[in-house]
Every structure is written in structure tokens, then in C-alpha cells.
């Protein structure tokens, strides 16, 4: 009992750290959520204050320059359009003058009474025509102004709000990751579920017949390279396939059966029914045939298994990682021993 209590007080730091790192997706996601909450709240709250005076002055100067640029462009455009209208009016007057010059007045110039008036009128018309042509030449020199590419300046955001949002975002990222790691640690420490063979063999002094590869310690999905790196760093790489693991279990059973002869053996525990059936079939095929095997669910929940316990010589416990609890396992062991049956060993799925 003392050994059991001493074992229970030990904390596997390596296993604990691995449980955190292999769940890095959840840790990062929690950190990002906290970063968005903390940073976003601080940015919004800080952004409601006044903008920096220098930034506001620069913004006002930029607005004034933009407005002056647009006003100058509009004035130039108005002048160009006005000149275009004047050119059209001058051309219309020149055409009218040309009609008058080519009219009867030209024919009558220098003939008969009143010729002097006609001559004077003709000279006046020619003089006006020259003036209008000069005006048109001057108007033709005007070009249409190019539209400026200036854009209205954006109102400055408070740099204080941005810096505070980033600072609190980083704080939220660290805090969120810490909270996620803390929750994982608490869950691991509070759980009495079996994680590896040591949780059973060292605690209860049972033989370890073998264990199947841990699916939890396998790389998965598109981020498999990261998972593989973590598994490799913590030394949890599985070098044995499932088929090889069954062969090793069968070899261990043969070796122990030679030292402790038995004829009939029951495979039971909290492993899934499919795993129990697979283990039973594998041992039947791979052992030397001197032992007959049968399987059944945990004696804690299966009446058939309890009845069959009376007819077998020994029991193999087949337990499931992160499913079999220590309290349940202890109850199974106590029930089997109360019936006077030897526990041949443990297989961990």
C-alpha cells in the first residue's frame, strides 16, 4: 500500500509537458482568442481619446493643401471652359462680319452718295474682325488643365491606441496560451485514466505483456511535421507496428506459460470489444496452441465474464489508454483476485 501511495504522489513531468505540446493547436487558438479580445478592447477604448496634436496639425495642413489644389484646378477648368465659350462667340461674330463685308455694303463702297459712310463702316468691320481674330489666337493658347491625382487625406488614428492594442494583444496571446496550458495540466493531473503501461505495472505489480502503438502519439493532419517533431523531441516515436506488437505479446505469453502452465485463459478488461476479439484471435494464432483463449468485457459490467471467470486458470487484462480509470482497474483486480484467479499480465491498447 505504501508503494502505491508513493507512486500516486509522483508527477511525470515529461508526460505532462508532452500533453501540453502535442495539443499546441488548442494552446495557440486560445492565445489568439485572448489576443483579439484584449487587443481589440484596448484599441477601441484607447481610440476614443484625442488624436496627437502634431498628427492633427499635419492632417489639417494636408486638408488645406488638398482643398487649395482642387480649388486651383477648378479655377483653371472654369477659365478654360470660359475661353472655349468666348472662342465660339468670337467665331460667330467673325462669321457675321464676313457676311457684312461680303454684302451689298462692299459693292456700294466708293460709289455714289454716302460712299464715305460705307467705307468707314467697312474699315470698322475689318478692324473688329482683326480684334476678334487676335482674341481667338490668345484663347487658343489655353490648354485644358490636367485633373490632379491628389486624394483627400485620411483622418489620423491615434498612435496611442495602436500601440496599446498591440501591447495588450501580445499580453493576451501569452495569457491565453498560459490558460490553455494550465487547463491541460489540471485535466491531466485530475484524471485517473491510464496513459501508459507504467501506470498499471508499477502501481499494481502486474506483468507487462505488451502494448499497442499509442494513436495519441501519432502525427495527424496537415501539421503532421510539427507533431512528428514534438513526438521525436519527447522520445515517444513508435518503432513497432501493430502486427509486430501482437507478435511480441504472443511471445511473452508463450514464455510465461512455459514457466506457469495454464490451459484456459480469459482476456478481459476495459478495452473495446473489437480490440479484445483481435487480441484473442492473435494469441490463438500466434501462440504454440497449448493454451485456449476466450474474451469478454470487463467483469465490472459483464455478467458473462464473471461466470466464465470460474472456469479459467488465469486472466489477461486488456486495458485502453485514456479510457481505463485507476479506480475501475483496481476494482477489476480485486474482483479477479477475490475469485482466486491469477492475473497473467496486462496488455495496453
Protein backbone atom coordinates (compact mmCIF):
# COMPACT_ATOMS: atom_id res chain seq x y z
CA UNK A 1 0.00 0.00 0.00
CA UNK A 2 2.85 2.36 0.78
CA UNK A 3 4.39 1.78 -2.62
CA UNK A 4 1.05 2.53 -4.26
CA UNK A 5 0.63 5.77 -2.35
CA UNK A 6 4.18 6.80 -3.13
CA UNK A 7 3.57 6.20 -6.82
CA UNK A 8 0.39 8.24 -6.77
CA UNK A 9 2.24 11.30 -5.47
CA UNK A 10 4.76 11.24 -8.32
CA UNK A 11 4.20 13.55 -11.27
CA UNK A 12 5.57 12.57 -14.66
CA UNK A 13 6.80 15.98 -15.81
CA UNK A 14 7.78 14.66 -19.23
CA UNK A 15 4.32 13.22 -19.82
CA UNK A 16 2.74 16.44 -18.57
CA UNK A 17 4.80 18.64 -20.89
CA UNK A 18 4.13 16.31 -23.80
CA UNK A 19 0.37 16.55 -23.17
CA UNK A 20 0.67 20.34 -23.45
CA UNK A 21 2.92 20.48 -26.52
CA UNK A 22 1.02 17.83 -28.50
CA UNK A 23 -2.09 19.99 -28.04
CA UNK A 24 -0.30 23.04 -29.45
CA UNK A 25 -3.23 23.79 -31.76
CA UNK A 26 -5.55 24.36 -28.81
CA UNK A 27 -2.88 26.38 -26.99
CA UNK A 28 -2.30 28.68 -29.97
CA UNK A 29 -6.03 29.04 -30.68
CA UNK A 30 -6.71 30.04 -27.08
CA UNK A 31 -3.82 32.52 -27.24
CA UNK A 32 -5.14 34.09 -30.45
CA UNK A 33 -8.64 34.43 -29.00
CA UNK A 34 -7.31 36.16 -25.88
CA UNK A 35 -5.08 38.39 -28.05
CA UNK A 36 -8.06 39.51 -30.15
CA UNK A 37 -10.19 40.15 -27.08
CA UNK A 38 -7.55 42.03 -25.10
CA UNK A 39 -6.00 43.90 -28.02
CA UNK A 40 -9.32 44.76 -29.67
CA UNK A 41 -10.86 46.06 -26.45
CA UNK A 42 -7.83 48.22 -25.63
CA UNK A 43 -7.59 49.57 -29.17
CA UNK A 44 -11.26 50.56 -29.23
CA UNK A 45 -11.21 52.11 -25.74
CA UNK A 46 -7.93 53.98 -26.34
CA UNK A 47 -9.03 55.10 -29.80
CA UNK A 48 -11.89 57.11 -28.31
CA UNK A 49 -9.39 59.66 -26.94
CA UNK A 50 -7.97 62.71 -28.75
CA UNK A 51 -5.53 62.36 -31.60
CA UNK A 52 -1.97 63.54 -31.12
CA UNK A 53 -1.72 67.34 -31.66
CA UNK A 54 1.14 67.08 -34.17
CA UNK A 55 -0.71 64.44 -36.19
CA UNK A 56 -3.86 66.59 -36.13
CA UNK A 57 -1.90 69.67 -37.29
CA UNK A 58 -0.34 67.71 -40.15
CA UNK A 59 -3.80 66.42 -41.09
CA UNK A 60 -5.24 69.95 -41.18
CA UNK A 61 -2.32 71.16 -43.32
CA UNK A 62 -2.84 68.24 -45.71
CA UNK A 63 -6.55 69.03 -45.94
CA UNK A 64 -5.81 72.70 -46.67
CA UNK A 65 -3.30 71.76 -49.38
CA UNK A 66 -5.78 69.32 -50.92
CA UNK A 67 -8.57 71.91 -50.92
CA UNK A 68 -6.25 74.54 -52.49
CA UNK A 69 -5.15 72.08 -55.17
CA UNK A 70 -8.74 71.22 -56.04
CA UNK A 71 -9.77 74.91 -55.98
CA UNK A 72 -6.90 75.86 -58.33
CA UNK A 73 -7.87 73.05 -60.68
CA UNK A 74 -11.49 74.16 -60.67
CA UNK A 75 -10.49 77.77 -61.39
CA UNK A 76 -8.27 76.68 -64.28
CA UNK A 77 -11.03 74.44 -65.60
CA UNK A 78 -13.58 77.26 -65.37
CA UNK A 79 -11.19 79.61 -67.18
CA UNK A 80 -10.64 77.04 -69.92
CA UNK A 81 -14.38 76.46 -70.37
CA UNK A 82 -15.00 80.21 -70.39
CA UNK A 83 -12.28 80.67 -73.04
CA UNK A 84 -13.90 77.94 -75.11
CA UNK A 85 -17.21 79.79 -74.94
CA UNK A 86 -15.50 83.08 -75.86
CA UNK A 87 -13.85 81.44 -78.86
CA UNK A 88 -17.22 80.22 -80.06
CA UNK A 89 -18.67 83.72 -79.62
CA UNK A 90 -15.72 85.33 -81.44
CA UNK A 91 -16.03 82.87 -84.31
CA UNK A 92 -19.72 83.64 -84.56
CA UNK A 93 -19.01 87.40 -84.68
CA UNK A 94 -16.27 86.92 -87.29
CA UNK A 95 -18.67 84.93 -89.43
CA UNK A 96 -21.23 87.74 -89.09
CA UNK A 97 -18.62 90.37 -90.02
CA UNK A 98 -17.54 88.32 -93.03
CA UNK A 99 -21.14 88.23 -94.20
CA UNK A 100 -21.42 92.00 -93.82
CA UNK A 101 -18.14 92.62 -95.61
CA UNK A 102 -19.24 90.47 -98.50
CA UNK A 103 -22.66 92.09 -98.65
CA UNK A 104 -24.05 94.88 -100.68
CA UNK A 105 -22.13 97.35 -98.47
CA UNK A 106 -18.86 96.29 -100.12
CA UNK A 107 -20.32 96.71 -103.56
CA UNK A 108 -21.53 100.22 -102.77
CA UNK A 109 -18.26 101.41 -101.26
CA UNK A 110 -16.84 104.28 -103.32
CA UNK A 111 -19.97 104.58 -105.46
CA UNK A 112 -22.47 107.33 -105.26
CA UNK A 113 -23.59 109.43 -102.34
CA UNK A 114 -22.86 108.05 -98.89
CA UNK A 115 -19.90 106.13 -100.08
CA UNK A 116 -17.76 107.62 -97.37
CA UNK A 117 -20.05 106.16 -94.68
CA UNK A 118 -19.93 102.79 -96.33
CA UNK A 119 -16.15 102.96 -96.48
CA UNK A 120 -15.90 103.88 -92.81
CA UNK A 121 -18.28 101.07 -91.85
CA UNK A 122 -16.18 98.65 -93.87
CA UNK A 123 -12.98 99.69 -92.13
CA UNK A 124 -14.66 99.42 -88.74
CA UNK A 125 -15.79 95.90 -89.55
CA UNK A 126 -12.30 94.92 -90.68
CA UNK A 127 -10.83 96.44 -87.56
CA UNK A 128 -13.30 94.48 -85.37
CA UNK A 129 -12.52 91.31 -87.29
CA UNK A 130 -8.79 91.74 -86.59
CA UNK A 131 -9.55 92.25 -82.91
CA UNK A 132 -11.66 89.12 -82.74
CA UNK A 133 -9.00 87.10 -84.54
CA UNK A 134 -6.37 88.36 -82.10
CA UNK A 135 -8.61 87.38 -79.21
CA UNK A 136 -9.08 83.93 -80.69
CA UNK A 137 -5.33 83.46 -81.14
CA UNK A 138 -4.84 84.32 -77.49
CA UNK A 139 -7.65 81.98 -76.41
CA UNK A 140 -6.24 79.12 -78.49
CA UNK A 141 -3.08 79.12 -76.40
CA UNK A 142 -5.03 77.98 -73.35
CA UNK A 143 -4.89 74.20 -72.69
CA UNK A 144 -7.32 72.11 -70.72
CA UNK A 145 -5.86 71.59 -67.21
CA UNK A 146 -4.96 68.04 -66.16
CA UNK A 147 -7.04 66.63 -63.33
CA UNK A 148 -4.88 66.41 -60.17
CA UNK A 149 -4.23 62.96 -58.70
CA UNK A 150 -4.45 64.25 -55.16
CA UNK A 151 -6.68 62.30 -52.75
CA UNK A 152 -8.32 63.61 -49.61
CA UNK A 153 -6.13 62.77 -46.60
CA UNK A 154 -7.40 60.21 -44.10
CA UNK A 155 -8.13 61.31 -40.60
CA UNK A 156 -5.22 60.16 -38.42
CA UNK A 157 -5.81 57.31 -35.98
CA UNK A 158 -4.42 57.68 -32.53
CA UNK A 159 -0.95 56.06 -32.41
CA UNK A 160 -1.50 55.54 -28.72
CA UNK A 161 -4.48 53.32 -29.45
CA UNK A 162 -2.50 51.24 -31.96
CA UNK A 163 0.48 50.74 -29.65
CA UNK A 164 -1.74 49.93 -26.70
CA UNK A 165 -3.77 47.48 -28.80
CA UNK A 166 -0.61 45.68 -29.94
CA UNK A 167 0.80 45.60 -26.42
CA UNK A 168 -2.35 44.18 -24.89
CA UNK A 169 -2.71 41.80 -27.85
CA UNK A 170 0.70 40.30 -27.09
CA UNK A 171 -0.21 40.13 -23.42
CA UNK A 172 -3.46 38.36 -24.32
CA UNK A 173 -1.58 35.90 -26.55
CA UNK A 174 0.76 34.90 -23.71
CA UNK A 175 -2.04 34.81 -21.14
CA UNK A 176 -4.30 32.73 -23.40
CA UNK A 177 -1.53 30.21 -24.07
CA UNK A 178 -0.82 30.02 -20.33
CA UNK A 179 -4.51 29.49 -19.51
CA UNK A 180 -4.77 26.70 -22.09
CA UNK A 181 -1.60 25.03 -20.75
CA UNK A 182 -2.88 25.37 -17.18
CA UNK A 183 -6.23 23.77 -18.06
CA UNK A 184 -4.46 20.89 -19.80
CA UNK A 185 -2.20 20.39 -16.77
CA UNK A 186 -5.13 20.39 -14.36
CA UNK A 187 -7.08 17.98 -16.55
CA UNK A 188 -4.09 15.63 -16.76
CA UNK A 189 -3.39 15.76 -13.02
CA UNK A 190 -7.03 15.34 -12.01
CA UNK A 191 -7.64 12.47 -14.43
CA UNK A 192 -7.10 8.92 -13.17
CA UNK A 193 -7.14 7.49 -16.68
CA UNK A 194 -4.35 5.14 -17.69
CA UNK A 195 -1.81 6.77 -20.02
CA UNK A 196 0.97 4.19 -20.25
CA UNK A 197 1.95 0.76 -19.01
CA UNK A 198 3.82 2.19 -16.04
CA UNK A 199 0.52 3.45 -14.63
CA UNK A 200 -0.54 -0.21 -14.29
CA UNK A 201 2.53 -2.41 -13.93
CA UNK A 202 4.42 -0.22 -11.45
CA UNK A 203 1.33 0.61 -9.43
CA UNK A 204 -0.12 -2.89 -9.11
CA UNK A 205 2.95 -5.08 -9.72
CA UNK A 206 1.42 -6.81 -12.75
CA UNK A 207 3.37 -8.29 -15.65
CA UNK A 208 3.53 -6.13 -18.78
CA UNK A 209 2.80 -8.46 -21.69
CA UNK A 210 2.96 -5.67 -24.23
CA UNK A 211 1.28 -2.54 -25.51
CA UNK A 212 -0.05 -1.45 -28.87
CA UNK A 213 1.14 1.80 -30.53
CA UNK A 214 -0.44 4.88 -28.96
CA UNK A 215 -2.69 6.60 -31.51
CA UNK A 216 -2.50 9.79 -29.44
CA UNK A 217 1.24 9.89 -30.08
CA UNK A 218 0.94 9.85 -33.86
CA UNK A 219 1.25 12.78 -36.24
CA UNK A 220 -2.04 13.79 -37.84
CA UNK A 221 -3.34 16.18 -40.49
CA UNK A 222 -1.60 18.87 -42.49
CA UNK A 223 0.51 19.85 -39.49
CA UNK A 224 1.91 16.33 -39.15
CA UNK A 225 5.56 17.54 -39.45
CA UNK A 226 5.13 19.66 -36.31
CA UNK A 227 3.53 16.74 -34.46
CA UNK A 228 6.34 14.44 -35.58
CA UNK A 229 8.94 16.91 -34.31
CA UNK A 230 7.27 17.13 -30.90
CA UNK A 231 6.93 13.34 -30.66
CA UNK A 232 10.59 12.93 -31.63
CA UNK A 233 11.78 15.54 -29.12
CA UNK A 234 9.95 13.81 -26.26
CA UNK A 235 11.12 10.38 -27.40
CA UNK A 236 7.67 8.91 -27.98
CA UNK A 237 8.26 7.63 -31.51
CA UNK A 238 6.72 4.20 -32.04
CA UNK A 239 9.16 1.80 -33.72
CA UNK A 240 6.82 -1.20 -33.51
CA UNK A 241 3.86 -1.77 -35.82
CA UNK A 242 0.55 -3.12 -34.56
CA UNK A 243 1.25 -6.54 -36.08
CA UNK A 244 4.70 -6.70 -34.50
CA UNK A 245 3.22 -5.67 -31.16
CA UNK A 246 0.77 -8.63 -31.29
CA UNK A 247 3.67 -10.97 -32.12
CA UNK A 248 5.65 -9.71 -29.12
CA UNK A 249 2.63 -10.17 -26.85
CA UNK A 250 2.20 -13.76 -28.10
CA UNK A 251 5.90 -14.48 -27.50
CA UNK A 252 5.68 -13.14 -23.94
CA UNK A 253 2.59 -15.28 -23.27
CA UNK A 254 4.37 -18.41 -24.57
CA UNK A 255 7.41 -17.73 -22.39
CA UNK A 256 5.35 -17.16 -19.26
CA UNK A 257 3.09 -20.13 -19.99
CA UNK A 258 6.17 -22.32 -20.05
CA UNK A 259 7.05 -21.20 -16.51
CA UNK A 260 3.46 -21.08 -15.21
CA UNK A 261 1.45 -23.76 -17.07
CA UNK A 262 -2.18 -22.86 -17.74
CA UNK A 263 -4.75 -24.47 -20.03
CA UNK A 264 -7.51 -21.92 -20.31
CA UNK A 265 -7.17 -18.13 -20.24
CA UNK A 266 -9.70 -15.30 -20.26
CA UNK A 267 -8.95 -11.95 -21.89
CA UNK A 268 -10.98 -9.19 -20.25
CA UNK A 269 -10.79 -5.53 -19.33
CA UNK A 270 -11.98 -2.09 -20.34
CA UNK A 271 -10.56 -2.26 -23.88
CA UNK A 272 -13.08 -2.14 -26.71
CA UNK A 273 -14.78 -5.36 -27.81
CA UNK A 274 -13.08 -5.22 -31.20
CA UNK A 275 -9.66 -4.95 -29.51
CA UNK A 276 -10.48 -7.86 -27.17
CA UNK A 277 -11.55 -10.01 -30.11
CA UNK A 278 -8.44 -9.07 -32.12
CA UNK A 279 -6.15 -9.90 -29.20
CA UNK A 280 -7.89 -13.23 -28.62
CA UNK A 281 -7.61 -14.19 -32.31
CA UNK A 282 -3.96 -13.08 -32.46
CA UNK A 283 -2.94 -15.11 -29.38
CA UNK A 284 -4.80 -18.16 -30.66
CA UNK A 285 -2.95 -17.96 -33.98
CA UNK A 286 0.49 -16.92 -32.78
CA UNK A 287 0.99 -18.96 -29.57
CA UNK A 288 2.08 -22.62 -29.52
CA UNK A 289 -1.50 -23.84 -29.11
CA UNK A 290 -1.20 -25.26 -25.61
CA UNK A 291 -3.46 -22.55 -24.17
CA UNK A 292 -7.03 -21.86 -25.24
CA UNK A 293 -8.20 -18.25 -25.14
CA UNK A 294 -11.58 -16.62 -24.73
CA UNK A 295 -12.53 -12.99 -24.28
CA UNK A 296 -15.23 -10.96 -22.61
CA UNK A 297 -15.99 -7.46 -21.43
CA UNK A 298 -14.88 -6.08 -18.10
CA UNK A 299 -16.13 -8.17 -15.14
CA UNK A 300 -17.41 -4.89 -13.71
CA UNK A 301 -20.08 -4.68 -16.41
CA UNK A 302 -20.35 -8.16 -17.98
CA UNK A 303 -22.22 -10.96 -16.20
CA UNK A 304 -20.98 -13.48 -18.78
CA UNK A 305 -17.37 -12.61 -17.95
CA UNK A 306 -17.99 -13.08 -14.22
CA UNK A 307 -19.47 -16.51 -14.87
CA UNK A 308 -16.59 -17.54 -17.14
CA UNK A 309 -14.02 -16.49 -14.54
CA UNK A 310 -14.86 -19.60 -12.56
CA UNK A 311 -13.85 -21.92 -15.43
CA UNK A 312 -10.49 -20.40 -16.44
CA UNK A 313 -6.99 -20.82 -14.99
CA UNK A 314 -5.76 -17.24 -15.45
CA UNK A 315 -6.74 -13.84 -16.76
CA UNK A 316 -5.12 -11.36 -19.13
CA UNK A 317 -6.22 -7.78 -18.55
CA UNK A 318 -6.63 -5.72 -21.70
CA UNK A 319 -6.94 -2.03 -20.89
CA UNK A 320 -7.45 1.07 -23.01
CA UNK A 321 -5.36 4.24 -22.73
CA UNK A 322 -7.30 7.29 -21.56
CA UNK A 323 -10.36 5.09 -21.02
CA UNK A 324 -9.46 2.70 -18.23
CA UNK A 325 -9.57 4.55 -14.91
CA UNK A 326 -7.37 3.61 -11.95
CA UNK A 327 -10.37 3.11 -9.68
CA UNK A 328 -12.03 0.81 -12.24
CA UNK A 329 -8.80 -1.08 -12.79
CA UNK A 330 -8.34 -1.54 -9.06
CA UNK A 331 -11.88 -2.90 -8.78
CA UNK A 332 -11.25 -5.35 -11.63
CA UNK A 333 -8.07 -6.62 -9.99
CA UNK A 334 -9.77 -7.00 -6.62
CA UNK A 335 -12.73 -8.89 -8.16
CA UNK A 336 -10.47 -11.29 -10.07
CA UNK A 337 -8.27 -11.99 -7.06
CA UNK A 338 -11.29 -12.50 -4.82
CA UNK A 339 -12.30 -15.32 -7.17
CA UNK A 340 -8.85 -16.87 -6.70
CA UNK A 341 -7.70 -16.31 -10.27
CA UNK A 342 -4.18 -15.34 -11.24
CA UNK A 343 -3.69 -12.27 -13.42
CA UNK A 344 -1.25 -13.48 -16.05
CA UNK A 345 -0.36 -9.99 -17.25
CA UNK A 346 -1.59 -6.77 -18.82
CA UNK A 347 -1.93 -5.66 -22.42
CA UNK A 348 -2.44 -1.94 -23.09
CA UNK A 349 -4.23 -0.68 -26.20
